[in-house]
Amino acid sequence: MLPQPADGPRAVYPGTFDPFTEGHRDIVERARRLFAHVTVLVAVNDAKRPTKAGAERARDIQASLPTEWENVSVAAWSGLTVDYCRAHAADVIIRGVRNAFEGEREAQLATMNEALGITTLFLPARPELAAISSTAVRAQRVR
């Protein structure tokens, strides 16, 4: 494992996380090894019609994380991710990318975030997790 400086760079991993999947968990696990602190930032956006409120999703995610992941926190947020980053001294936005289509869309968002002063780091999904999406998990639950 890489050393984790106490006062090193901080990252934010934003998403709806409805639900929080094994793919999301893997991204957090990998990001926490690269940064002094990672915040899983649960998007509060009622327009997406989430199955649970943002605060409830955040509590569920926090409860699911190993207690030894002391450099990971979870927060619900209804504003722009870059605004959260500025308010909480985060240096980097983490984005997981499962395929080329997502990569293209995420690159456009990353360009906007960079123009606003926050760098985005893409972490590719592990091949065995690339097919997992929150939408697919929700569809499985309905069946």
C-alpha atoms as a PDB file:
ATOM      1  CA  MET A   1       0.000   0.000   0.000  1.00  0.00           C
ATOM      2  CA  LEU A   2       1.152   3.535  -0.765  1.00  0.00           C
ATOM      3  CA  PRO A   3       1.875   5.793   2.215  1.00  0.00           C
ATOM      4  CA  GLN A   4      -0.931   8.214   3.012  1.00  0.00           C
ATOM      5  CA  PRO A   5       0.258  11.674   4.024  1.00  0.00           C
ATOM      6  CA  ALA A   6      -1.923  13.226   6.711  1.00  0.00           C
ATOM      7  CA  ASP A   7      -1.879  16.612   5.020  1.00  0.00           C
ATOM      8  CA  GLY A   8      -1.685  15.516   1.398  1.00  0.00           C
ATOM      9  CA  PRO A   9      -4.088  16.045  -1.482  1.00  0.00           C
ATOM     10  CA  ARG A  10      -7.806  15.592  -0.933  1.00  0.00           C
ATOM     11  CA  ALA A  11     -10.191  14.102  -3.478  1.00  0.00           C
ATOM     12  CA  VAL A  12     -13.941  14.082  -3.989  1.00  0.00           C
ATOM     13  CA  TYR A  13     -15.738  11.178  -5.655  1.00  0.00           C
ATOM     14  CA  PRO A  14     -19.180  12.514  -6.672  1.00  0.00           C
ATOM     15  CA  GLY A  15     -22.176  10.566  -7.863  1.00  0.00           C
ATOM     16  CA  THR A  16     -25.799   9.726  -7.309  1.00  0.00           C
ATOM     17  CA  PHE A  17     -24.843   6.304  -5.921  1.00  0.00           C
ATOM     18  CA  ASP A  18     -28.391   4.972  -6.206  1.00  0.00           C
ATOM     19  CA  PRO A  19     -27.369   2.363  -5.199  1.00  0.00           C
ATOM     20  CA  PHE A  20     -23.688   2.294  -4.239  1.00  0.00           C
ATOM     21  CA  THR A  21     -22.276  -0.653  -6.225  1.00  0.00           C
ATOM     22  CA  GLU A  22     -19.205  -2.862  -5.966  1.00  0.00           C
ATOM     23  CA  GLY A  23     -17.750  -0.784  -8.804  1.00  0.00           C
ATOM     24  CA  HIS A  24     -18.167   2.401  -6.767  1.00  0.00           C
ATOM     25  CA  ARG A  25     -16.631   0.717  -3.728  1.00  0.00           C
ATOM     26  CA  ASP A  26     -13.644  -0.377  -5.816  1.00  0.00           C
ATOM     27  CA  ILE A  27     -13.062   3.186  -7.055  1.00  0.00           C
ATOM     28  CA  VAL A  28     -13.153   4.477  -3.458  1.00  0.00           C
ATOM     29  CA  GLU A  29     -10.781   1.736  -2.321  1.00  0.00           C
ATOM     30  CA  ARG A  30      -8.271   2.607  -5.044  1.00  0.00           C
ATOM     31  CA  ALA A  31      -8.634   6.392  -4.614  1.00  0.00           C
ATOM     32  CA  ARG A  32      -8.107   6.244  -0.843  1.00  0.00           C
ATOM     33  CA  ARG A  33      -4.656   4.772  -1.475  1.00  0.00           C
ATOM     34  CA  LEU A  34      -3.730   7.735  -3.681  1.00  0.00           C
ATOM     35  CA  PHE A  35      -5.050  10.612  -1.579  1.00  0.00           C
ATOM     36  CA  ALA A  36      -4.799  11.718   2.027  1.00  0.00           C
ATOM     37  CA  HIS A  37      -8.581  11.958   2.157  1.00  0.00           C
ATOM     38  CA  VAL A  38     -11.462  10.976  -0.128  1.00  0.00           C
ATOM     39  CA  THR A  39     -15.006  12.239   0.256  1.00  0.00           C
ATOM     40  CA  VAL A  40     -17.751  10.205  -1.385  1.00  0.00           C
ATOM     41  CA  LEU A  41     -20.062  13.038  -2.401  1.00  0.00           C
ATOM     42  CA  VAL A  42     -23.659  11.915  -2.750  1.00  0.00           C
ATOM     43  CA  ALA A  43     -25.512  14.104  -5.231  1.00  0.00           C
ATOM     44  CA  VAL A  44     -28.826  15.419  -3.979  1.00  0.00           C
ATOM     45  CA  ASN A  45     -30.812  15.873  -7.180  1.00  0.00           C
ATOM     46  CA  ASP A  46     -34.519  15.094  -6.933  1.00  0.00           C
ATOM     47  CA  ALA A  47     -34.839  15.453 -10.725  1.00  0.00           C
ATOM     48  CA  LYS A  48     -33.075  12.077 -11.026  1.00  0.00           C
ATOM     49  CA  ARG A  49     -35.852  10.554  -8.862  1.00  0.00           C
ATOM     50  CA  PRO A  50     -33.581   8.590  -6.517  1.00  0.00           C
ATOM     51  CA  THR A  51     -34.997   5.686  -4.529  1.00  0.00           C
ATOM     52  CA  LYS A  52     -33.793   7.289  -1.254  1.00  0.00           C
ATOM     53  CA  ALA A  53     -33.027  10.807  -0.090  1.00  0.00           C
ATOM     54  CA  GLY A  54     -29.418  11.963  -0.402  1.00  0.00           C
ATOM     55  CA  ALA A  55     -28.778  12.012   3.341  1.00  0.00           C
ATOM     56  CA  GLU A  56     -30.097   8.461   3.659  1.00  0.00           C
ATOM     57  CA  ARG A  57     -27.933   7.238   0.769  1.00  0.00           C
ATOM     58  CA  ALA A  58     -24.930   8.936   2.397  1.00  0.00           C
ATOM     59  CA  ARG A  59     -25.643   7.209   5.748  1.00  0.00           C
ATOM     60  CA  ASP A  60     -26.024   3.833   4.014  1.00  0.00           C
ATOM     61  CA  ILE A  61     -22.732   4.258   2.157  1.00  0.00           C
ATOM     62  CA  GLN A  62     -20.868   5.340   5.294  1.00  0.00           C
ATOM     63  CA  ALA A  63     -22.231   2.312   7.172  1.00  0.00           C
ATOM     64  CA  SER A  64     -21.090  -0.022   4.370  1.00  0.00           C
ATOM     65  CA  LEU A  65     -17.465   1.142   4.342  1.00  0.00           C
ATOM     66  CA  PRO A  66     -14.824  -0.645   6.410  1.00  0.00           C
ATOM     67  CA  THR A  67     -14.048   1.171   9.665  1.00  0.00           C
ATOM     68  CA  GLU A  68     -10.328   1.019   8.867  1.00  0.00           C
ATOM     69  CA  TRP A  69     -10.909   3.344   5.895  1.00  0.00           C
ATOM     70  CA  GLU A  70     -10.307   6.296   8.194  1.00  0.00           C
ATOM     71  CA  ASN A  71      -9.380   8.597   5.301  1.00  0.00           C
ATOM     72  CA  VAL A  72     -12.806   8.215   3.641  1.00  0.00           C
ATOM     73  CA  SER A  73     -15.905  10.212   4.539  1.00  0.00           C
ATOM     74  CA  VAL A  74     -19.338  10.498   2.965  1.00  0.00           C
ATOM     75  CA  ALA A  75     -21.397  13.670   2.526  1.00  0.00           C
ATOM     76  CA  ALA A  76     -24.607  14.642   0.749  1.00  0.00           C
ATOM     77  CA  TRP A  77     -24.433  17.766  -1.446  1.00  0.00           C
ATOM     78  CA  SER A  78     -26.947  19.576  -3.652  1.00  0.00           C
ATOM     79  CA  GLY A  79     -24.653  22.097  -5.345  1.00  0.00           C
ATOM     80  CA  LEU A  80     -21.884  21.966  -7.909  1.00  0.00           C
ATOM     81  CA  THR A  81     -19.073  19.568  -7.124  1.00  0.00           C
ATOM     82  CA  VAL A  82     -16.473  22.289  -7.729  1.00  0.00           C
ATOM     83  CA  ASP A  83     -18.177  24.432  -5.077  1.00  0.00           C
ATOM     84  CA  TYR A  84     -17.895  21.565  -2.581  1.00  0.00           C
ATOM     85  CA  CYS A  85     -14.237  21.124  -3.539  1.00  0.00           C
ATOM     86  CA  ARG A  86     -13.492  24.800  -2.933  1.00  0.00           C
ATOM     87  CA  ALA A  87     -15.376  24.866   0.382  1.00  0.00           C
ATOM     88  CA  HIS A  88     -13.591  21.741   1.650  1.00  0.00           C
ATOM     89  CA  ALA A  89     -10.090  22.248   0.211  1.00  0.00           C
ATOM     90  CA  ALA A  90     -10.337  19.292  -2.165  1.00  0.00           C
ATOM     91  CA  ASP A  91      -7.827  19.273  -5.003  1.00  0.00           C
ATOM     92  CA  VAL A  92      -9.194  16.602  -7.336  1.00  0.00           C
ATOM     93  CA  ILE A  93     -12.477  15.128  -8.543  1.00  0.00           C
ATOM     94  CA  ILE A  94     -12.362  11.348  -9.032  1.00  0.00           C
ATOM     95  CA  ARG A  95     -14.493   9.791 -11.754  1.00  0.00           C
ATOM     96  CA  GLY A  96     -14.833   6.113 -12.525  1.00  0.00           C
ATOM     97  CA  VAL A  97     -15.125   5.289 -16.208  1.00  0.00           C
ATOM     98  CA  ARG A  98     -16.568   1.985 -17.426  1.00  0.00           C
ATOM     99  CA  ASN A  99     -16.412   2.433 -21.201  1.00  0.00           C
ATOM    100  CA  ALA A 100     -15.513   4.795 -24.068  1.00  0.00           C
ATOM    101  CA  PHE A 101     -18.991   6.367 -24.146  1.00  0.00           C
ATOM    102  CA  GLU A 102     -18.704   7.325 -20.479  1.00  0.00           C
ATOM    103  CA  GLY A 103     -15.141   8.507 -21.052  1.00  0.00           C
ATOM    104  CA  GLU A 104     -16.258  10.953 -23.739  1.00  0.00           C
ATOM    105  CA  ARG A 105     -19.062  12.375 -21.587  1.00  0.00           C
ATOM    106  CA  GLU A 106     -16.819  12.578 -18.514  1.00  0.00           C
ATOM    107  CA  ALA A 107     -14.073  14.317 -20.517  1.00  0.00           C
ATOM    108  CA  GLN A 108     -16.513  17.124 -21.328  1.00  0.00           C
ATOM    109  CA  LEU A 109     -17.350  17.560 -17.639  1.00  0.00           C
ATOM    110  CA  ALA A 110     -13.658  17.390 -16.731  1.00  0.00           C
ATOM    111  CA  THR A 111     -12.906  20.209 -19.164  1.00  0.00           C
ATOM    112  CA  MET A 112     -15.514  22.399 -17.475  1.00  0.00           C
ATOM    113  CA  ASN A 113     -14.222  21.528 -14.003  1.00  0.00           C
ATOM    114  CA  GLU A 114     -10.646  22.272 -15.084  1.00  0.00           C
ATOM    115  CA  ALA A 115     -11.748  25.672 -16.364  1.00  0.00           C
ATOM    116  CA  LEU A 116     -13.184  26.252 -12.879  1.00  0.00           C
ATOM    117  CA  GLY A 117      -9.861  25.284 -11.291  1.00  0.00           C
ATOM    118  CA  ILE A 118     -10.435  21.671 -10.224  1.00  0.00           C
ATOM    119  CA  THR A 119      -8.647  18.751 -11.880  1.00  0.00           C
ATOM    120  CA  THR A 120     -10.450  15.481 -12.642  1.00  0.00           C
ATOM    121  CA  LEU A 121      -8.716  12.109 -12.372  1.00  0.00           C
ATOM    122  CA  PHE A 122     -10.264   9.181 -14.233  1.00  0.00           C
ATOM    123  CA  LEU A 123      -9.987   5.704 -12.758  1.00  0.00           C
ATOM    124  CA  PRO A 124     -10.965   2.980 -15.216  1.00  0.00           C
ATOM    125  CA  ALA A 125     -13.312   0.302 -13.958  1.00  0.00           C
ATOM    126  CA  ARG A 126     -11.771  -3.085 -13.388  1.00  0.00           C
ATOM    127  CA  PRO A 127     -12.857  -5.375 -16.253  1.00  0.00           C
ATOM    128  CA  GLU A 128     -14.849  -7.662 -13.953  1.00  0.00           C
ATOM    129  CA  LEU A 129     -16.816  -4.659 -12.624  1.00  0.00           C
ATOM    130  CA  ALA A 130     -17.259  -2.642 -15.830  1.00  0.00           C
ATOM    131  CA  ALA A 131     -20.707  -4.070 -16.605  1.00  0.00           C
ATOM    132  CA  ILE A 132     -22.134  -3.088 -13.214  1.00  0.00           C
ATOM    133  CA  SER A 133     -24.172   0.098 -13.137  1.00  0.00           C
ATOM    134  CA  SER A 134     -26.576   1.517 -10.574  1.00  0.00           C
ATOM    135  CA  THR A 135     -29.308   1.447 -13.237  1.00  0.00           C
ATOM    136  CA  ALA A 136     -28.743  -2.274 -13.837  1.00  0.00           C
ATOM    137  CA  VAL A 137     -28.718  -3.002 -10.101  1.00  0.00           C
ATOM    138  CA  ARG A 138     -31.995  -1.101  -9.625  1.00  0.00           C
ATOM    139  CA  ALA A 139     -33.558  -3.019 -12.556  1.00  0.00           C
ATOM    140  CA  GLN A 140     -32.513  -6.329 -10.969  1.00  0.00           C
ATOM    141  CA  ARG A 141     -34.179  -5.324  -7.692  1.00  0.00           C
ATOM    142  CA  VAL A 142     -37.485  -4.592  -9.464  1.00  0.00           C
ATOM    143  CA  ARG A 143     -37.691  -8.062 -10.993  1.00  0.00           C
END
